PDB file of N, CA and C in Angstrom:
ATOM      1  N   UNK A   1       7.864 -12.930   2.933  1.00  0.00           N
ATOM      2  CA  UNK A   1       7.734 -12.131   1.923  1.00  0.00           C
ATOM      3  C   UNK A   1       9.117 -12.235   1.469  1.00  0.00           C
ATOM      4  N   UNK A   2      10.153 -12.045   1.914  1.00  0.00           N
ATOM      5  CA  UNK A   2      11.474 -12.113   1.547  1.00  0.00           C
ATOM      6  C   UNK A   2      12.139 -13.268   2.529  1.00  0.00           C
ATOM      7  N   UNK A   3      12.830 -14.225   1.606  1.00  0.00           N
ATOM      8  CA  UNK A   3      13.478 -15.326   2.410  1.00  0.00           C
ATOM      9  C   UNK A   3      14.959 -15.148   2.788  1.00  0.00           C
ATOM     10  N   UNK A   4      15.634 -13.900   2.253  1.00  0.00           N
ATOM     11  CA  UNK A   4      16.818 -13.641   2.551  1.00  0.00           C
ATOM     12  C   UNK A   4      16.855 -12.375   3.042  1.00  0.00           C
ATOM     13  N   UNK A   5      17.527 -12.325   4.395  1.00  0.00           N
ATOM     14  CA  UNK A   5      17.491 -10.834   4.865  1.00  0.00           C
ATOM     15  C   UNK A   5      18.519  -9.995   4.306  1.00  0.00           C
ATOM     16  N   UNK A   6      19.456 -10.686   3.785  1.00  0.00           N
ATOM     17  CA  UNK A   6      20.674  -9.791   3.165  1.00  0.00           C
ATOM     18  C   UNK A   6      20.144  -9.150   1.724  1.00  0.00           C
ATOM     19  N   UNK A   7      19.287  -9.646   1.091  1.00  0.00           N
ATOM     20  CA  UNK A   7      18.557  -9.041  -0.025  1.00  0.00           C
ATOM     21  C   UNK A   7      17.814  -7.799   0.366  1.00  0.00           C
ATOM     22  N   UNK A   8      17.163  -8.055   1.446  1.00  0.00           N
ATOM     23  CA  UNK A   8      16.187  -6.949   1.997  1.00  0.00           C
ATOM     24  C   UNK A   8      17.084  -5.544   2.305  1.00  0.00           C
ATOM     25  N   UNK A   9      18.137  -5.988   2.985  1.00  0.00           N
ATOM     26  CA  UNK A   9      19.108  -4.825   3.256  1.00  0.00           C
ATOM     27  C   UNK A   9      19.761  -4.385   2.384  1.00  0.00           C
ATOM     28  N   UNK A  10      20.243  -5.119   1.383  1.00  0.00           N
ATOM     29  CA  UNK A  10      20.744  -4.611   0.109  1.00  0.00           C
ATOM     30  C   UNK A  10      19.692  -3.821  -0.669  1.00  0.00           C
ATOM     31  N   UNK A  11      18.436  -4.373  -0.878  1.00  0.00           N
ATOM     32  CA  UNK A  11      17.426  -3.269  -1.406  1.00  0.00           C
ATOM     33  C   UNK A  11      17.176  -1.963  -0.603  1.00  0.00           C
ATOM     34  N   UNK A  12      17.032  -2.172   0.593  1.00  0.00           N
ATOM     35  CA  UNK A  12      16.904  -0.895   1.450  1.00  0.00           C
ATOM     36  C   UNK A  12      18.157  -0.070   1.173  1.00  0.00           C
ATOM     37  N   UNK A  13      19.251  -0.442   1.216  1.00  0.00           N
ATOM     38  CA  UNK A  13      20.436   0.365   0.977  1.00  0.00           C
ATOM     39  C   UNK A  13      20.649   1.211  -0.344  1.00  0.00           C
ATOM     40  N   UNK A  14      20.220   0.317  -1.548  1.00  0.00           N
ATOM     41  CA  UNK A  14      20.085   0.932  -2.833  1.00  0.00           C
ATOM     42  C   UNK A  14      19.045   1.989  -2.820  1.00  0.00           C
ATOM     43  N   UNK A  15      17.852   1.586  -2.177  1.00  0.00           N
ATOM     44  CA  UNK A  15      16.671   2.600  -2.298  1.00  0.00           C
ATOM     45  C   UNK A  15      17.261   4.139  -1.430  1.00  0.00           C
ATOM     46  N   UNK A  16      17.967   4.016  -0.357  1.00  0.00           N
ATOM     47  CA  UNK A  16      18.486   5.099   0.274  1.00  0.00           C
ATOM     48  C   UNK A  16      19.602   5.753  -0.555  1.00  0.00           C
ATOM     49  N   UNK A  17      20.504   5.087  -1.202  1.00  0.00           N
ATOM     50  CA  UNK A  17      21.430   5.769  -1.952  1.00  0.00           C
ATOM     51  C   UNK A  17      20.826   6.398  -3.112  1.00  0.00           C
ATOM     52  N   UNK A  18      19.873   5.822  -3.860  1.00  0.00           N
ATOM     53  CA  UNK A  18      19.284   6.465  -4.685  1.00  0.00           C
ATOM     54  C   UNK A  18      18.474   7.750  -4.493  1.00  0.00           C
ATOM     55  N   UNK A  19      17.758   7.573  -3.182  1.00  0.00           N
ATOM     56  CA  UNK A  19      17.117   8.921  -2.524  1.00  0.00           C
ATOM     57  C   UNK A  19      18.185  10.057  -2.316  1.00  0.00           C
ATOM     58  N   UNK A  20      19.258   9.595  -1.832  1.00  0.00           N
ATOM     59  CA  UNK A  20      20.268  10.557  -1.393  1.00  0.00           C
ATOM     60  C   UNK A  20      20.852  11.211  -2.768  1.00  0.00           C
ATOM     61  N   UNK A  21      21.123  10.506  -3.620  1.00  0.00           N
ATOM     62  CA  UNK A  21      21.469  11.173  -5.144  1.00  0.00           C
ATOM     63  C   UNK A  21      20.320  12.156  -5.691  1.00  0.00           C
ATOM     64  N   UNK A  22      19.075  11.544  -5.333  1.00  0.00           N
ATOM     65  CA  UNK A  22      18.190  12.269  -5.956  1.00  0.00           C
ATOM     66  C   UNK A  22      17.950  13.736  -5.195  1.00  0.00           C
ATOM     67  N   UNK A  23      18.018  13.515  -3.911  1.00  0.00           N
ATOM     68  CA  UNK A  23      18.021  14.925  -3.057  1.00  0.00           C
ATOM     69  C   UNK A  23      19.184  15.836  -3.385  1.00  0.00           C
ATOM     70  N   UNK A  24      20.376  15.321  -3.699  1.00  0.00           N
ATOM     71  CA  UNK A  24      21.539  16.141  -4.011  1.00  0.00           C
ATOM     72  C   UNK A  24      21.259  16.935  -5.415  1.00  0.00           C
ATOM     73  N   UNK A  25      20.663  15.973  -6.355  1.00  0.00           N
ATOM     74  CA  UNK A  25      20.504  16.583  -7.615  1.00  0.00           C
ATOM     75  C   UNK A  25      19.488  17.624  -7.549  1.00  0.00           C
ATOM     76  N   UNK A  26      18.231  17.370  -7.172  1.00  0.00           N
ATOM     77  CA  UNK A  26      17.035  18.184  -7.213  1.00  0.00           C
ATOM     78  C   UNK A  26      16.775  18.896  -5.961  1.00  0.00           C
ATOM     79  N   UNK A  27      17.491  18.989  -4.942  1.00  0.00           N
ATOM     80  CA  UNK A  27      17.151  19.762  -3.678  1.00  0.00           C
ATOM     81  C   UNK A  27      17.132  21.328  -3.760  1.00  0.00           C
ATOM     82  N   UNK A  28      16.309  21.915  -3.032  1.00  0.00           N
ATOM     83  CA  UNK A  28      16.434  23.191  -3.305  1.00  0.00           C
ATOM     84  C   UNK A  28      17.700  23.917  -2.698  1.00  0.00           C
ATOM     85  N   UNK A  29      18.587  24.850  -3.428  1.00  0.00           N
ATOM     86  CA  UNK A  29      19.712  25.248  -3.016  1.00  0.00           C
ATOM     87  C   UNK A  29      19.774  26.155  -1.821  1.00  0.00           C
ATOM     88  N   UNK A  30      18.739  26.842  -1.447  1.00  0.00           N
ATOM     89  CA  UNK A  30      18.656  27.847  -0.411  1.00  0.00           C
ATOM     90  C   UNK A  30      18.540  26.968   1.057  1.00  0.00           C
ATOM     91  N   UNK A  31      19.483  27.105   1.732  1.00  0.00           N
ATOM     92  CA  UNK A  31      19.520  26.570   3.026  1.00  0.00           C
ATOM     93  C   UNK A  31      19.022  27.291   4.258  1.00  0.00           C
ATOM     94  N   UNK A  32      18.247  26.985   5.101  1.00  0.00           N
ATOM     95  CA  UNK A  32      17.822  27.814   6.083  1.00  0.00           C
ATOM     96  C   UNK A  32      18.340  27.444   7.554  1.00  0.00           C
ATOM     97  N   UNK A  33      18.768  26.094   7.381  1.00  0.00           N
ATOM     98  CA  UNK A  33      19.632  25.555   8.641  1.00  0.00           C
ATOM     99  C   UNK A  33      20.559  25.011   8.319  1.00  0.00           C
ATOM    100  N   UNK A  34      21.737  24.893   9.206  1.00  0.00           N
ATOM    101  CA  UNK A  34      23.063  24.137   9.018  1.00  0.00           C
ATOM    102  C   UNK A  34      22.728  22.796   8.568  1.00  0.00           C
ATOM    103  N   UNK A  35      21.744  22.029   9.266  1.00  0.00           N
ATOM    104  CA  UNK A  35      21.776  20.631   8.853  1.00  0.00           C
ATOM    105  C   UNK A  35      21.173  20.312   7.411  1.00  0.00           C
ATOM    106  N   UNK A  36      20.358  21.498   6.940  1.00  0.00           N
ATOM    107  CA  UNK A  36      19.899  21.331   5.720  1.00  0.00           C
ATOM    108  C   UNK A  36      21.205  21.097   4.578  1.00  0.00           C
ATOM    109  N   UNK A  37      22.385  21.425   4.908  1.00  0.00           N
ATOM    110  CA  UNK A  37      23.347  21.556   3.903  1.00  0.00           C
ATOM    111  C   UNK A  37      24.039  20.376   3.601  1.00  0.00           C
ATOM    112  N   UNK A  38      23.873  19.216   4.677  1.00  0.00           N
ATOM    113  CA  UNK A  38      24.349  18.022   4.469  1.00  0.00           C
ATOM    114  C   UNK A  38      23.555  17.110   3.630  1.00  0.00           C
ATOM    115  N   UNK A  39      23.966  16.665   2.622  1.00  0.00           N
ATOM    116  CA  UNK A  39      23.233  15.736   1.579  1.00  0.00           C
ATOM    117  C   UNK A  39      22.582  14.436   2.345  1.00  0.00           C
ATOM    118  N   UNK A  40      21.424  14.175   1.999  1.00  0.00           N
ATOM    119  CA  UNK A  40      20.726  12.984   2.738  1.00  0.00           C
ATOM    120  C   UNK A  40      20.404  13.063   4.041  1.00  0.00           C
ATOM    121  N   UNK A  41      20.579  14.133   4.700  1.00  0.00           N
ATOM    122  CA  UNK A  41      20.197  14.371   6.091  1.00  0.00           C
ATOM    123  C   UNK A  41      18.777  14.213   6.452  1.00  0.00           C
ATOM    124  N   UNK A  42      17.787  14.609   5.501  1.00  0.00           N
ATOM    125  CA  UNK A  42      16.528  14.532   5.797  1.00  0.00           C
ATOM    126  C   UNK A  42      16.026  13.092   5.513  1.00  0.00           C
ATOM    127  N   UNK A  43      16.783  12.509   4.803  1.00  0.00           N
ATOM    128  CA  UNK A  43      16.407  10.945   4.464  1.00  0.00           C
ATOM    129  C   UNK A  43      16.736  10.015   5.849  1.00  0.00           C
ATOM    130  N   UNK A  44      17.971  10.474   6.391  1.00  0.00           N
ATOM    131  CA  UNK A  44      18.446   9.835   7.682  1.00  0.00           C
ATOM    132  C   UNK A  44      17.564   9.998   8.786  1.00  0.00           C
ATOM    133  N   UNK A  45      17.108  11.469   9.007  1.00  0.00           N
ATOM    134  CA  UNK A  45      16.328  11.612   9.893  1.00  0.00           C
ATOM    135  C   UNK A  45      15.156  11.096   9.834  1.00  0.00           C
ATOM    136  N   UNK A  46      14.461  10.729   8.805  1.00  0.00           N
ATOM    137  CA  UNK A  46      13.221  10.281   8.435  1.00  0.00           C
ATOM    138  C   UNK A  46      13.151   8.635   8.884  1.00  0.00           C
ATOM    139  N   UNK A  47      14.383   8.062   8.316  1.00  0.00           N
ATOM    140  CA  UNK A  47      14.563   6.679   8.550  1.00  0.00           C
ATOM    141  C   UNK A  47      14.826   6.279  10.000  1.00  0.00           C
ATOM    142  N   UNK A  48      15.645   7.028  10.899  1.00  0.00           N
ATOM    143  CA  UNK A  48      15.954   7.003  12.091  1.00  0.00           C
ATOM    144  C   UNK A  48      14.474   7.182  12.901  1.00  0.00           C
ATOM    145  N   UNK A  49      13.574   8.106  12.494  1.00  0.00           N
ATOM    146  CA  UNK A  49      12.401   8.372  13.247  1.00  0.00           C
ATOM    147  C   UNK A  49      11.420   7.157  12.971  1.00  0.00           C
ATOM    148  N   UNK A  50      11.548   6.561  11.783  1.00  0.00           N
ATOM    149  CA  UNK A  50      10.714   5.420  11.495  1.00  0.00           C
ATOM    150  C   UNK A  50      11.173   4.214  12.434  1.00  0.00           C
ATOM    151  N   UNK A  51      12.346   4.166  12.621  1.00  0.00           N
ATOM    152  CA  UNK A  51      12.834   2.961  13.451  1.00  0.00           C
ATOM    153  C   UNK A  51      12.546   3.373  14.865  1.00  0.00           C
ATOM    154  N   UNK A  52      12.482   4.441  15.284  1.00  0.00           N
ATOM    155  CA  UNK A  52      12.202   4.777  16.662  1.00  0.00           C
ATOM    156  C   UNK A  52      10.681   4.536  17.022  1.00  0.00           C
ATOM    157  N   UNK A  53       9.754   4.637  16.021  1.00  0.00           N
ATOM    158  CA  UNK A  53       8.298   4.353  16.313  1.00  0.00           C
ATOM    159  C   UNK A  53       8.288   2.959  16.143  1.00  0.00           C
ATOM    160  N   UNK A  54       8.971   2.339  15.376  1.00  0.00           N
ATOM    161  CA  UNK A  54       8.797   0.841  15.360  1.00  0.00           C
ATOM    162  C   UNK A  54       9.116   0.146  16.669  1.00  0.00           C
ATOM    163  N   UNK A  55      10.417   0.499  17.076  1.00  0.00           N
ATOM    164  CA  UNK A  55      10.823   0.086  18.503  1.00  0.00           C
ATOM    165  C   UNK A  55      10.197   0.483  19.470  1.00  0.00           C
ATOM    166  N   UNK A  56       9.568   1.572  19.473  1.00  0.00           N
ATOM    167  CA  UNK A  56       8.477   2.076  20.487  1.00  0.00           C
ATOM    168  C   UNK A  56       7.271   1.342  20.458  1.00  0.00           C
ATOM    169  N   UNK A  57       6.852   0.938  19.418  1.00  0.00           N
ATOM    170  CA  UNK A  57       5.752   0.004  19.231  1.00  0.00           C
ATOM    171  C   UNK A  57       5.880  -1.457  19.738  1.00  0.00           C
ATOM    172  N   UNK A  58       7.113  -1.906  19.329  1.00  0.00           N
ATOM    173  CA  UNK A  58       7.241  -3.303  19.489  1.00  0.00           C
ATOM    174  C   UNK A  58       7.726  -3.572  21.086  1.00  0.00           C
ATOM    175  N   UNK A  59       8.538  -2.705  21.645  1.00  0.00           N
ATOM    176  CA  UNK A  59       9.116  -2.927  23.022  1.00  0.00           C
ATOM    177  C   UNK A  59       8.211  -2.243  24.087  1.00  0.00           C
ATOM    178  N   UNK A  60       7.997  -1.110  24.026  1.00  0.00           N
ATOM    179  CA  UNK A  60       7.260  -0.433  25.203  1.00  0.00           C
ATOM    180  C   UNK A  60       5.726  -0.695  25.072  1.00  0.00           C
ATOM    181  N   UNK A  61       5.162  -0.481  23.983  1.00  0.00           N
ATOM    182  CA  UNK A  61       3.583  -0.579  23.884  1.00  0.00           C
ATOM    183  C   UNK A  61       3.177  -2.041  23.727  1.00  0.00           C
ATOM    184  N   UNK A  62       3.955  -2.895  23.336  1.00  0.00           N
ATOM    185  CA  UNK A  62       3.625  -4.388  23.420  1.00  0.00           C
ATOM    186  C   UNK A  62       3.522  -4.804  24.991  1.00  0.00           C
ATOM    187  N   UNK A  63       4.353  -4.462  25.822  1.00  0.00           N
ATOM    188  CA  UNK A  63       4.280  -4.910  27.118  1.00  0.00           C
ATOM    189  C   UNK A  63       3.083  -4.131  27.759  1.00  0.00           C
ATOM    190  N   UNK A  64       2.630  -3.120  27.507  1.00  0.00           N
ATOM    191  CA  UNK A  64       1.456  -2.310  28.032  1.00  0.00           C
ATOM    192  C   UNK A  64       0.094  -2.982  27.610  1.00  0.00           C
ATOM    193  N   UNK A  65       0.150  -3.043  26.130  1.00  0.00           N
ATOM    194  CA  UNK A  65      -1.107  -3.553  25.592  1.00  0.00           C
ATOM    195  C   UNK A  65      -1.380  -4.970  25.415  1.00  0.00           C
ATOM    196  N   UNK A  66      -0.391  -5.682  25.400  1.00  0.00           N
ATOM    197  CA  UNK A  66      -0.673  -7.376  25.145  1.00  0.00           C
ATOM    198  C   UNK A  66      -0.922  -7.898  26.392  1.00  0.00           C
ATOM    199  N   UNK A  67      -1.904  -9.003  26.151  1.00  0.00           N
ATOM    200  CA  UNK A  67      -2.480  -9.802  27.608  1.00  0.00           C
ATOM    201  C   UNK A  67      -1.916 -11.077  27.294  1.00  0.00           C
ATOM    202  N   UNK A  68      -1.952 -11.945  28.391  1.00  0.00           N
ATOM    203  CA  UNK A  68      -1.657 -13.491  28.212  1.00  0.00           C
ATOM    204  C   UNK A  68      -2.550 -14.132  27.256  1.00  0.00           C
ATOM    205  N   UNK A  69      -2.314 -15.378  26.768  1.00  0.00           N
ATOM    206  CA  UNK A  69      -3.034 -15.907  25.831  1.00  0.00           C
ATOM    207  C   UNK A  69      -4.427 -16.231  26.238  1.00  0.00           C
ATOM    208  N   UNK A  70      -4.537 -16.795  27.586  1.00  0.00           N
ATOM    209  CA  UNK A  70      -5.716 -16.919  28.102  1.00  0.00           C
ATOM    210  C   UNK A  70      -6.306 -16.020  29.164  1.00  0.00           C
ATOM    211  N   UNK A  71      -6.200 -14.868  28.725  1.00  0.00           N
ATOM    212  CA  UNK A  71      -6.577 -13.669  29.525  1.00  0.00           C
ATOM    213  C   UNK A  71      -7.962 -13.617  29.842  1.00  0.00           C
ATOM    214  N   UNK A  72      -8.831 -13.863  28.756  1.00  0.00           N
ATOM    215  CA  UNK A  72     -10.548 -13.744  29.082  1.00  0.00           C
ATOM    216  C   UNK A  72     -10.879 -15.232  29.379  1.00  0.00           C
ATOM    217  N   UNK A  73     -10.197 -16.335  29.412  1.00  0.00           N
ATOM    218  CA  UNK A  73     -10.692 -17.540  29.785  1.00  0.00           C
ATOM    219  C   UNK A  73     -10.547 -17.724  31.250  1.00  0.00           C
ATOM    220  N   UNK A  74      -9.619 -16.999  31.948  1.00  0.00           N
ATOM    221  CA  UNK A  74      -9.518 -17.374  33.453  1.00  0.00           C
ATOM    222  C   UNK A  74     -10.486 -16.697  34.161  1.00  0.00           C
ATOM    223  N   UNK A  75     -10.933 -17.425  35.355  1.00  0.00           N
ATOM    224  CA  UNK A  75     -11.873 -16.911  36.069  1.00  0.00           C
ATOM    225  C   UNK A  75     -11.508 -15.758  37.017  1.00  0.00           C
ATOM    226  N   UNK A  76     -12.309 -14.872  37.399  1.00  0.00           N
ATOM    227  CA  UNK A  76     -12.161 -13.799  38.143  1.00  0.00           C
ATOM    228  C   UNK A  76     -12.120 -14.275  39.850  1.00  0.00           C
ATOM    229  N   UNK A  77     -12.285 -13.188  40.508  1.00  0.00           N
ATOM    230  CA  UNK A  77     -12.423 -13.373  41.947  1.00  0.00           C
ATOM    231  C   UNK A  77     -13.695 -14.101  42.295  1.00  0.00           C
ATOM    232  N   UNK A  78     -14.770 -13.866  41.560  1.00  0.00           N
ATOM    233  CA  UNK A  78     -15.999 -14.460  42.018  1.00  0.00           C
ATOM    234  C   UNK A  78     -16.043 -15.819  41.255  1.00  0.00           C
ATOM    235  N   UNK A  79     -15.262 -16.221  40.605  1.00  0.00           N
ATOM    236  CA  UNK A  79     -15.462 -17.486  39.789  1.00  0.00           C
ATOM    237  C   UNK A  79     -16.497 -17.406  38.678  1.00  0.00           C
ATOM    238  N   UNK A  80     -16.953 -16.652  38.217  1.00  0.00           N
ATOM    239  CA  UNK A  80     -18.017 -16.443  37.401  1.00  0.00           C
ATOM    240  C   UNK A  80     -17.569 -16.392  35.917  1.00  0.00           C
ATOM    241  N   UNK A  81     -16.679 -17.225  35.530  1.00  0.00           N
ATOM    242  CA  UNK A  81     -16.128 -17.323  34.243  1.00  0.00           C
ATOM    243  C   UNK A  81     -17.062 -17.675  33.228  1.00  0.00           C
ATOM    244  N   UNK A  82     -18.342 -18.239  33.657  1.00  0.00           N
ATOM    245  CA  UNK A  82     -19.191 -18.534  32.434  1.00  0.00           C
ATOM    246  C   UNK A  82     -20.324 -17.627  32.533  1.00  0.00           C
ATOM    247  N   UNK A  83     -20.308 -16.855  31.564  1.00  0.00           N
ATOM    248  CA  UNK A  83     -21.383 -15.975  31.253  1.00  0.00           C
ATOM    249  C   UNK A  83     -22.594 -16.561  30.327  1.00  0.00           C
ATOM    250  N   UNK A  84     -23.815 -16.626  31.019  1.00  0.00           N
ATOM    251  CA  UNK A  84     -24.962 -17.292  30.296  1.00  0.00           C
ATOM    252  C   UNK A  84     -25.955 -16.206  30.137  1.00  0.00           C
TER     253      UNK A  84
END
């Protein structure tokens, strides 16, 4: 989709900056927790959570779920690889 990673990161940074400004301008002013008073904190938590899910899926789950390329073609213990 994108040929240049630098453009993707610049676009992502611009979107995050715009969202942080929107949160500062339009957020509800009554804070219930101390971390809600930090501008853009919800944006950062959501972004970090998404990256954790992506890394979990790519690193941990890929090792558990992926099989070798010829997993189903290899013959088992009985040598019955040909189902007819």
